[in-house]
Amino acid sequence: MVVELEQVLECMCSSYQVELQYFHENATFATVVGTKPTPVIDLSGTVGAQGVAFGAEAGYDTATGKFTKYTAAIGVTKPDYHAAFIL
């Protein structure tokens, strides 16, 4: 059985982290937060339609107050090729 939903909100919890994901037809957003006193927070998102997608990811360490990672990308999909540019 296949069930298709236009929007899905999913939350997963463990003793180490809490993960929240949101899925939509043209967008996806996710975040992961550790359960330590000074957690690391990871955020990511993608938006796209008609063969073009834009995405970004960032990690933030609350102990140091600094970003630990950050990435952005653009992707294009056509019947004859796929291309991506990652910053």
PDB file of N, CA and C in Angstrom:
ATOM      1  N   MET A   1       0.840  -1.174   0.000  1.00  0.00           N
ATOM      2  CA  MET A   1       0.000   0.000   0.000  1.00  0.00           C
ATOM      3  C   MET A   1       0.890   1.244   0.000  1.00  0.00           C
ATOM      4  N   VAL A   2       0.610   2.170  -0.891  1.00  0.00           N
ATOM      5  CA  VAL A   2       1.362   3.418  -0.985  1.00  0.00           C
ATOM      6  C   VAL A   2       0.439   4.559  -0.589  1.00  0.00           C
ATOM      7  N   VAL A   3       0.908   5.350   0.356  1.00  0.00           N
ATOM      8  CA  VAL A   3       0.139   6.507   0.812  1.00  0.00           C
ATOM      9  C   VAL A   3       0.933   7.751   0.458  1.00  0.00           C
ATOM     10  N   GLU A   4       0.301   8.650  -0.267  1.00  0.00           N
ATOM     11  CA  GLU A   4       0.966   9.889  -0.640  1.00  0.00           C
ATOM     12  C   GLU A   4       0.319  11.049   0.102  1.00  0.00           C
ATOM     13  N   LEU A   5       1.148  11.846   0.736  1.00  0.00           N
ATOM     14  CA  LEU A   5       0.683  13.026   1.454  1.00  0.00           C
ATOM     15  C   LEU A   5       1.395  14.236   0.897  1.00  0.00           C
ATOM     16  N   GLU A   6       0.699  15.354   0.826  1.00  0.00           N
ATOM     17  CA  GLU A   6       1.338  16.566   0.343  1.00  0.00           C
ATOM     18  C   GLU A   6       2.271  17.157   1.386  1.00  0.00           C
ATOM     19  N   GLN A   7       1.954  16.974   2.672  1.00  0.00           N
ATOM     20  CA  GLN A   7       2.772  17.525   3.740  1.00  0.00           C
ATOM     21  C   GLN A   7       2.939  16.481   4.834  1.00  0.00           C
ATOM     22  N   VAL A   8       4.140  16.370   5.368  1.00  0.00           N
ATOM     23  CA  VAL A   8       4.413  15.441   6.456  1.00  0.00           C
ATOM     24  C   VAL A   8       5.284  16.157   7.478  1.00  0.00           C
ATOM     25  N   LEU A   9       4.918  16.070   8.744  1.00  0.00           N
ATOM     26  CA  LEU A   9       5.719  16.604   9.843  1.00  0.00           C
ATOM     27  C   LEU A   9       6.110  15.423  10.703  1.00  0.00           C
ATOM     28  N   GLU A  10       7.397  15.265  10.931  1.00  0.00           N
ATOM     29  CA  GLU A  10       7.902  14.094  11.639  1.00  0.00           C
ATOM     30  C   GLU A  10       8.825  14.546  12.760  1.00  0.00           C
ATOM     31  N   CYS A  11       8.663  13.967  13.935  1.00  0.00           N
ATOM     32  CA  CYS A  11       9.512  14.292  15.077  1.00  0.00           C
ATOM     33  C   CYS A  11      10.057  12.999  15.656  1.00  0.00           C
ATOM     34  N   MET A  12      11.380  12.925  15.817  1.00  0.00           N
ATOM     35  CA  MET A  12      12.023  11.760  16.399  1.00  0.00           C
ATOM     36  C   MET A  12      12.840  12.210  17.609  1.00  0.00           C
ATOM     37  N   CYS A  13      12.642  11.556  18.723  1.00  0.00           N
ATOM     38  CA  CYS A  13      13.336  11.928  19.946  1.00  0.00           C
ATOM     39  C   CYS A  13      14.119  10.739  20.474  1.00  0.00           C
ATOM     40  N   SER A  14      15.293  11.006  21.011  1.00  0.00           N
ATOM     41  CA  SER A  14      16.085   9.990  21.690  1.00  0.00           C
ATOM     42  C   SER A  14      16.740  10.660  22.897  1.00  0.00           C
ATOM     43  N   SER A  15      17.500   9.914  23.637  1.00  0.00           N
ATOM     44  CA  SER A  15      18.154  10.492  24.808  1.00  0.00           C
ATOM     45  C   SER A  15      19.318  11.399  24.408  1.00  0.00           C
ATOM     46  N   TYR A  16      19.706  11.405  23.116  1.00  0.00           N
ATOM     47  CA  TYR A  16      20.840  12.205  22.660  1.00  0.00           C
ATOM     48  C   TYR A  16      20.435  13.430  21.850  1.00  0.00           C
ATOM     49  N   GLN A  17      19.288  13.336  21.138  1.00  0.00           N
ATOM     50  CA  GLN A  17      18.912  14.448  20.274  1.00  0.00           C
ATOM     51  C   GLN A  17      17.423  14.428  19.959  1.00  0.00           C
ATOM     52  N   VAL A  18      16.955  15.574  19.491  1.00  0.00           N
ATOM     53  CA  VAL A  18      15.581  15.727  19.016  1.00  0.00           C
ATOM     54  C   VAL A  18      15.679  16.161  17.555  1.00  0.00           C
ATOM     55  N   GLU A  19      14.997  15.439  16.678  1.00  0.00           N
ATOM     56  CA  GLU A  19      15.037  15.735  15.250  1.00  0.00           C
ATOM     57  C   GLU A  19      13.626  16.045  14.766  1.00  0.00           C
ATOM     58  N   LEU A  20      13.492  17.143  14.055  1.00  0.00           N
ATOM     59  CA  LEU A  20      12.206  17.562  13.516  1.00  0.00           C
ATOM     60  C   LEU A  20      12.360  17.733  12.014  1.00  0.00           C
ATOM     61  N   GLN A  21      11.487  17.089  11.231  1.00  0.00           N
ATOM     62  CA  GLN A  21      11.546  17.168   9.775  1.00  0.00           C
ATOM     63  C   GLN A  21      10.177  17.559   9.235  1.00  0.00           C
ATOM     64  N   TYR A  22      10.179  18.391   8.206  1.00  0.00           N
ATOM     65  CA  TYR A  22       8.952  18.800   7.538  1.00  0.00           C
ATOM     66  C   TYR A  22       9.133  18.552   6.042  1.00  0.00           C
ATOM     67  N   PHE A  23       8.229  17.793   5.467  1.00  0.00           N
ATOM     68  CA  PHE A  23       8.292  17.482   4.045  1.00  0.00           C
ATOM     69  C   PHE A  23       7.064  18.050   3.349  1.00  0.00           C
ATOM     70  N   HIS A  24       7.281  18.721   2.248  1.00  0.00           N
ATOM     71  CA  HIS A  24       6.213  19.281   1.421  1.00  0.00           C
ATOM     72  C   HIS A  24       6.546  18.904  -0.016  1.00  0.00           C
ATOM     73  N   GLU A  25       5.607  19.063  -0.893  1.00  0.00           N
ATOM     74  CA  GLU A  25       5.815  18.707  -2.298  1.00  0.00           C
ATOM     75  C   GLU A  25       7.025  19.406  -2.902  1.00  0.00           C
ATOM     76  N   ASN A  26       7.250  20.665  -2.549  1.00  0.00           N
ATOM     77  CA  ASN A  26       8.346  21.437  -3.123  1.00  0.00           C
ATOM     78  C   ASN A  26       9.366  21.935  -2.110  1.00  0.00           C
ATOM     79  N   ALA A  27       9.308  21.444  -0.870  1.00  0.00           N
ATOM     80  CA  ALA A  27      10.237  21.932   0.148  1.00  0.00           C
ATOM     81  C   ALA A  27      10.459  20.876   1.228  1.00  0.00           C
ATOM     82  N   THR A  28      11.638  20.932   1.810  1.00  0.00           N
ATOM     83  CA  THR A  28      11.981  20.060   2.928  1.00  0.00           C
ATOM     84  C   THR A  28      12.801  20.874   3.915  1.00  0.00           C
ATOM     85  N   PHE A  29      12.456  20.775   5.195  1.00  0.00           N
ATOM     86  CA  PHE A  29      13.215  21.452   6.241  1.00  0.00           C
ATOM     87  C   PHE A  29      13.466  20.463   7.367  1.00  0.00           C
ATOM     88  N   ALA A  30      14.656  20.522   7.944  1.00  0.00           N
ATOM     89  CA  ALA A  30      14.991  19.611   9.036  1.00  0.00           C
ATOM     90  C   ALA A  30      15.859  20.334  10.051  1.00  0.00           C
ATOM     91  N   THR A  31      15.725  19.933  11.299  1.00  0.00           N
ATOM     92  CA  THR A  31      16.583  20.453  12.361  1.00  0.00           C
ATOM     93  C   THR A  31      16.868  19.333  13.348  1.00  0.00           C
ATOM     94  N   VAL A  32      18.072  19.331  13.881  1.00  0.00           N
ATOM     95  CA  VAL A  32      18.487  18.369  14.899  1.00  0.00           C
ATOM     96  C   VAL A  32      19.108  19.172  16.039  1.00  0.00           C
ATOM     97  N   VAL A  33      18.630  18.921  17.252  1.00  0.00           N
ATOM     98  CA  VAL A  33      19.151  19.614  18.433  1.00  0.00           C
ATOM     99  C   VAL A  33      19.574  18.566  19.440  1.00  0.00           C
ATOM    100  N   GLY A  34      20.811  18.658  19.912  1.00  0.00           N
ATOM    101  CA  GLY A  34      21.289  17.750  20.947  1.00  0.00           C
ATOM    102  C   GLY A  34      20.644  18.066  22.280  1.00  0.00           C
ATOM    103  N   THR A  35      20.630  17.082  23.171  1.00  0.00           N
ATOM    104  CA  THR A  35      19.993  17.277  24.478  1.00  0.00           C
ATOM    105  C   THR A  35      21.003  17.563  25.583  1.00  0.00           C
ATOM    106  N   LYS A  36      22.224  17.896  25.221  1.00  0.00           N
ATOM    107  CA  LYS A  36      23.230  18.280  26.211  1.00  0.00           C
ATOM    108  C   LYS A  36      22.927  19.699  26.706  1.00  0.00           C
ATOM    109  N   PRO A  37      23.544  20.131  27.808  1.00  0.00           N
ATOM    110  CA  PRO A  37      23.313  21.502  28.291  1.00  0.00           C
ATOM    111  C   PRO A  37      23.702  22.573  27.271  1.00  0.00           C
ATOM    112  N   THR A  38      24.726  22.324  26.458  1.00  0.00           N
ATOM    113  CA  THR A  38      25.111  23.248  25.394  1.00  0.00           C
ATOM    114  C   THR A  38      25.083  22.480  24.076  1.00  0.00           C
ATOM    115  N   PRO A  39      23.924  22.343  23.481  1.00  0.00           N
ATOM    116  CA  PRO A  39      23.794  21.475  22.300  1.00  0.00           C
ATOM    117  C   PRO A  39      24.343  22.096  21.017  1.00  0.00           C
ATOM    118  N   VAL A  40      24.599  21.229  20.059  1.00  0.00           N
ATOM    119  CA  VAL A  40      24.900  21.636  18.695  1.00  0.00           C
ATOM    120  C   VAL A  40      23.581  21.574  17.931  1.00  0.00           C
ATOM    121  N   ILE A  41      23.288  22.615  17.176  1.00  0.00           N
ATOM    122  CA  ILE A  41      22.038  22.698  16.421  1.00  0.00           C
ATOM    123  C   ILE A  41      22.364  22.613  14.938  1.00  0.00           C
ATOM    124  N   ASP A  42      21.732  21.673  14.237  1.00  0.00           N
ATOM    125  CA  ASP A  42      21.896  21.527  12.794  1.00  0.00           C
ATOM    126  C   ASP A  42      20.575  21.878  12.119  1.00  0.00           C
ATOM    127  N   LEU A  43      20.646  22.723  11.097  1.00  0.00           N
ATOM    128  CA  LEU A  43      19.475  23.131  10.332  1.00  0.00           C
ATOM    129  C   LEU A  43      19.745  22.889   8.855  1.00  0.00           C
ATOM    130  N   SER A  44      18.739  22.437   8.111  1.00  0.00           N
ATOM    131  CA  SER A  44      18.878  22.294   6.668  1.00  0.00           C
ATOM    132  C   SER A  44      17.542  22.518   6.004  1.00  0.00           C
ATOM    133  N   GLY A  45      17.597  22.948   4.757  1.00  0.00           N
ATOM    134  CA  GLY A  45      16.369  23.188   4.012  1.00  0.00           C
ATOM    135  C   GLY A  45      16.618  23.117   2.523  1.00  0.00           C
ATOM    136  N   THR A  46      15.597  22.695   1.799  1.00  0.00           N
ATOM    137  CA  THR A  46      15.650  22.614   0.354  1.00  0.00           C
ATOM    138  C   THR A  46      14.314  23.073  -0.208  1.00  0.00           C
ATOM    139  N   VAL A  47      14.367  23.884  -1.243  1.00  0.00           N
ATOM    140  CA  VAL A  47      13.167  24.357  -1.924  1.00  0.00           C
ATOM    141  C   VAL A  47      13.407  24.194  -3.416  1.00  0.00           C
ATOM    142  N   GLY A  48      12.412  23.658  -4.122  1.00  0.00           N
ATOM    143  CA  GLY A  48      12.592  23.496  -5.554  1.00  0.00           C
ATOM    144  C   GLY A  48      11.306  23.203  -6.275  1.00  0.00           C
ATOM    145  N   ALA A  49      11.336  23.402  -7.579  1.00  0.00           N
ATOM    146  CA  ALA A  49      10.196  23.109  -8.442  1.00  0.00           C
ATOM    147  C   ALA A  49      10.671  23.115  -9.890  1.00  0.00           C
ATOM    148  N   GLN A  50      10.032  22.333 -10.715  1.00  0.00           N
ATOM    149  CA  GLN A  50      10.274  22.295 -12.152  1.00  0.00           C
ATOM    150  C   GLN A  50      11.740  22.128 -12.506  1.00  0.00           C
ATOM    151  N   GLY A  51      12.434  21.242 -11.802  1.00  0.00           N
ATOM    152  CA  GLY A  51      13.807  20.909 -12.144  1.00  0.00           C
ATOM    153  C   GLY A  51      14.886  21.792 -11.560  1.00  0.00           C
ATOM    154  N   VAL A  52      14.536  22.768 -10.731  1.00  0.00           N
ATOM    155  CA  VAL A  52      15.533  23.642 -10.101  1.00  0.00           C
ATOM    156  C   VAL A  52      15.350  23.545  -8.590  1.00  0.00           C
ATOM    157  N   ALA A  53      16.466  23.360  -7.872  1.00  0.00           N
ATOM    158  CA  ALA A  53      16.405  23.244  -6.410  1.00  0.00           C
ATOM    159  C   ALA A  53      17.469  24.127  -5.773  1.00  0.00           C
ATOM    160  N   PHE A  54      17.123  24.724  -4.635  1.00  0.00           N
ATOM    161  CA  PHE A  54      18.036  25.533  -3.829  1.00  0.00           C
ATOM    162  C   PHE A  54      18.072  24.921  -2.437  1.00  0.00           C
ATOM    163  N   GLY A  55      19.267  24.774  -1.866  1.00  0.00           N
ATOM    164  CA  GLY A  55      19.364  24.185  -0.543  1.00  0.00           C
ATOM    165  C   GLY A  55      20.433  24.855   0.294  1.00  0.00           C
ATOM    166  N   ALA A  56      20.311  24.691   1.609  1.00  0.00           N
ATOM    167  CA  ALA A  56      21.292  25.252   2.531  1.00  0.00           C
ATOM    168  C   ALA A  56      21.344  24.391   3.786  1.00  0.00           C
ATOM    169  N   GLU A  57      22.504  24.416   4.444  1.00  0.00           N
ATOM    170  CA  GLU A  57      22.706  23.664   5.681  1.00  0.00           C
ATOM    171  C   GLU A  57      23.603  24.496   6.591  1.00  0.00           C
ATOM    172  N   ALA A  58      23.330  24.454   7.889  1.00  0.00           N
ATOM    173  CA  ALA A  58      24.161  25.170   8.853  1.00  0.00           C
ATOM    174  C   ALA A  58      24.200  24.398  10.162  1.00  0.00           C
ATOM    175  N   GLY A  59      25.323  24.473  10.828  1.00  0.00           N
ATOM    176  CA  GLY A  59      25.487  23.891  12.151  1.00  0.00           C
ATOM    177  C   GLY A  59      25.966  24.973  13.101  1.00  0.00           C
ATOM    178  N   TYR A  60      25.390  25.029  14.296  1.00  0.00           N
ATOM    179  CA  TYR A  60      25.715  26.066  15.268  1.00  0.00           C
ATOM    180  C   TYR A  60      26.007  25.424  16.614  1.00  0.00           C
ATOM    181  N   ASP A  61      27.163  25.737  17.174  1.00  0.00           N
ATOM    182  CA  ASP A  61      27.566  25.217  18.479  1.00  0.00           C
ATOM    183  C   ASP A  61      27.213  26.254  19.541  1.00  0.00           C
ATOM    184  N   THR A  62      26.263  25.926  20.406  1.00  0.00           N
ATOM    185  CA  THR A  62      25.830  26.893  21.417  1.00  0.00           C
ATOM    186  C   THR A  62      26.881  27.103  22.506  1.00  0.00           C
ATOM    187  N   ALA A  63      27.808  26.165  22.672  1.00  0.00           N
ATOM    188  CA  ALA A  63      28.858  26.324  23.684  1.00  0.00           C
ATOM    189  C   ALA A  63      29.843  27.418  23.300  1.00  0.00           C
ATOM    190  N   THR A  64      30.207  27.466  22.016  1.00  0.00           N
ATOM    191  CA  THR A  64      31.177  28.465  21.561  1.00  0.00           C
ATOM    192  C   THR A  64      30.516  29.679  20.923  1.00  0.00           C
ATOM    193  N   GLY A  65      29.228  29.541  20.552  1.00  0.00           N
ATOM    194  CA  GLY A  65      28.534  30.636  19.889  1.00  0.00           C
ATOM    195  C   GLY A  65      28.984  30.836  18.460  1.00  0.00           C
ATOM    196  N   LYS A  66      29.490  29.774  17.820  1.00  0.00           N
ATOM    197  CA  LYS A  66      29.989  29.882  16.447  1.00  0.00           C
ATOM    198  C   LYS A  66      29.332  28.848  15.545  1.00  0.00           C
ATOM    199  N   PHE A  67      29.283  29.193  14.259  1.00  0.00           N
ATOM    200  CA  PHE A  67      28.821  28.236  13.268  1.00  0.00           C
ATOM    201  C   PHE A  67      29.919  27.214  13.014  1.00  0.00           C
ATOM    202  N   THR A  68      29.561  25.938  13.047  1.00  0.00           N
ATOM    203  CA  THR A  68      30.542  24.881  12.830  1.00  0.00           C
ATOM    204  C   THR A  68      30.583  24.431  11.378  1.00  0.00           C
ATOM    205  N   LYS A  69      29.495  24.666  10.642  1.00  0.00           N
ATOM    206  CA  LYS A  69      29.462  24.342   9.212  1.00  0.00           C
ATOM    207  C   LYS A  69      28.369  25.164   8.546  1.00  0.00           C
ATOM    208  N   TYR A  70      28.541  25.409   7.266  1.00  0.00           N
ATOM    209  CA  TYR A  70      27.524  26.087   6.480  1.00  0.00           C
ATOM    210  C   TYR A  70      27.772  25.768   5.010  1.00  0.00           C
ATOM    211  N   THR A  71      26.716  25.454   4.303  1.00  0.00           N
ATOM    212  CA  THR A  71      26.790  25.061   2.908  1.00  0.00           C
ATOM    213  C   THR A  71      25.540  25.564   2.199  1.00  0.00           C
ATOM    214  N   ALA A  72      25.699  25.943   0.945  1.00  0.00           N
ATOM    215  CA  ALA A  72      24.562  26.310   0.102  1.00  0.00           C
ATOM    216  C   ALA A  72      24.763  25.653  -1.261  1.00  0.00           C
ATOM    217  N   ALA A  73      23.663  25.340  -1.936  1.00  0.00           N
ATOM    218  CA  ALA A  73      23.764  24.670  -3.228  1.00  0.00           C
ATOM    219  C   ALA A  73      22.594  25.023  -4.122  1.00  0.00           C
ATOM    220  N   ILE A  74      22.846  24.920  -5.417  1.00  0.00           N
ATOM    221  CA  ILE A  74      21.826  25.087  -6.446  1.00  0.00           C
ATOM    222  C   ILE A  74      21.943  23.880  -7.364  1.00  0.00           C
ATOM    223  N   GLY A  75      20.816  23.271  -7.698  1.00  0.00           N
ATOM    224  CA  GLY A  75      20.826  22.119  -8.589  1.00  0.00           C
ATOM    225  C   GLY A  75      19.815  22.276  -9.707  1.00  0.00           C
ATOM    226  N   VAL A  76      20.159  21.748 -10.887  1.00  0.00           N
ATOM    227  CA  VAL A  76      19.275  21.786 -12.048  1.00  0.00           C
ATOM    228  C   VAL A  76      19.173  20.376 -12.603  1.00  0.00           C
ATOM    229  N   THR A  77      17.950  19.935 -12.874  1.00  0.00           N
ATOM    230  CA  THR A  77      17.730  18.611 -13.442  1.00  0.00           C
ATOM    231  C   THR A  77      16.925  18.757 -14.733  1.00  0.00           C
ATOM    232  N   LYS A  78      17.453  18.226 -15.803  1.00  0.00           N
ATOM    233  CA  LYS A  78      16.791  18.203 -17.108  1.00  0.00           C
ATOM    234  C   LYS A  78      16.800  16.764 -17.611  1.00  0.00           C
ATOM    235  N   PRO A  79      16.010  16.444 -18.618  1.00  0.00           N
ATOM    236  CA  PRO A  79      15.986  15.064 -19.112  1.00  0.00           C
ATOM    237  C   PRO A  79      17.352  14.540 -19.574  1.00  0.00           C
ATOM    238  N   ASP A  80      18.210  15.421 -20.081  1.00  0.00           N
ATOM    239  CA  ASP A  80      19.504  14.992 -20.616  1.00  0.00           C
ATOM    240  C   ASP A  80      20.677  15.150 -19.656  1.00  0.00           C
ATOM    241  N   TYR A  81      20.518  15.891 -18.569  1.00  0.00           N
ATOM    242  CA  TYR A  81      21.642  16.127 -17.663  1.00  0.00           C
ATOM    243  C   TYR A  81      21.172  16.548 -16.276  1.00  0.00           C
ATOM    244  N   HIS A  82      22.100  16.474 -15.332  1.00  0.00           N
ATOM    245  CA  HIS A  82      21.923  16.969 -13.964  1.00  0.00           C
ATOM    246  C   HIS A  82      23.142  17.807 -13.641  1.00  0.00           C
ATOM    247  N   ALA A  83      22.944  18.949 -13.012  1.00  0.00           N
ATOM    248  CA  ALA A  83      24.056  19.804 -12.642  1.00  0.00           C
ATOM    249  C   ALA A  83      23.823  20.375 -11.253  1.00  0.00           C
ATOM    250  N   ALA A  84      24.929  20.555 -10.523  1.00  0.00           N
ATOM    251  CA  ALA A  84      24.832  21.134  -9.184  1.00  0.00           C
ATOM    252  C   ALA A  84      26.031  22.033  -8.943  1.00  0.00           C
ATOM    253  N   PHE A  85      25.771  23.096  -8.222  1.00  0.00           N
ATOM    254  CA  PHE A  85      26.816  24.037  -7.805  1.00  0.00           C
ATOM    255  C   PHE A  85      26.735  24.157  -6.294  1.00  0.00           C
ATOM    256  N   ILE A  86      27.811  23.748  -5.615  1.00  0.00           N
ATOM    257  CA  ILE A  86      27.825  23.733  -4.151  1.00  0.00           C
ATOM    258  C   ILE A  86      28.837  24.762  -3.661  1.00  0.00           C
ATOM    259  N   LEU A  87      28.411  25.621  -2.758  1.00  0.00           N
ATOM    260  CA  LEU A  87      29.296  26.655  -2.191  1.00  0.00           C
ATOM    261  C   LEU A  87      29.896  26.179  -0.892  1.00  0.00           C
TER     262      LEU A  87
END
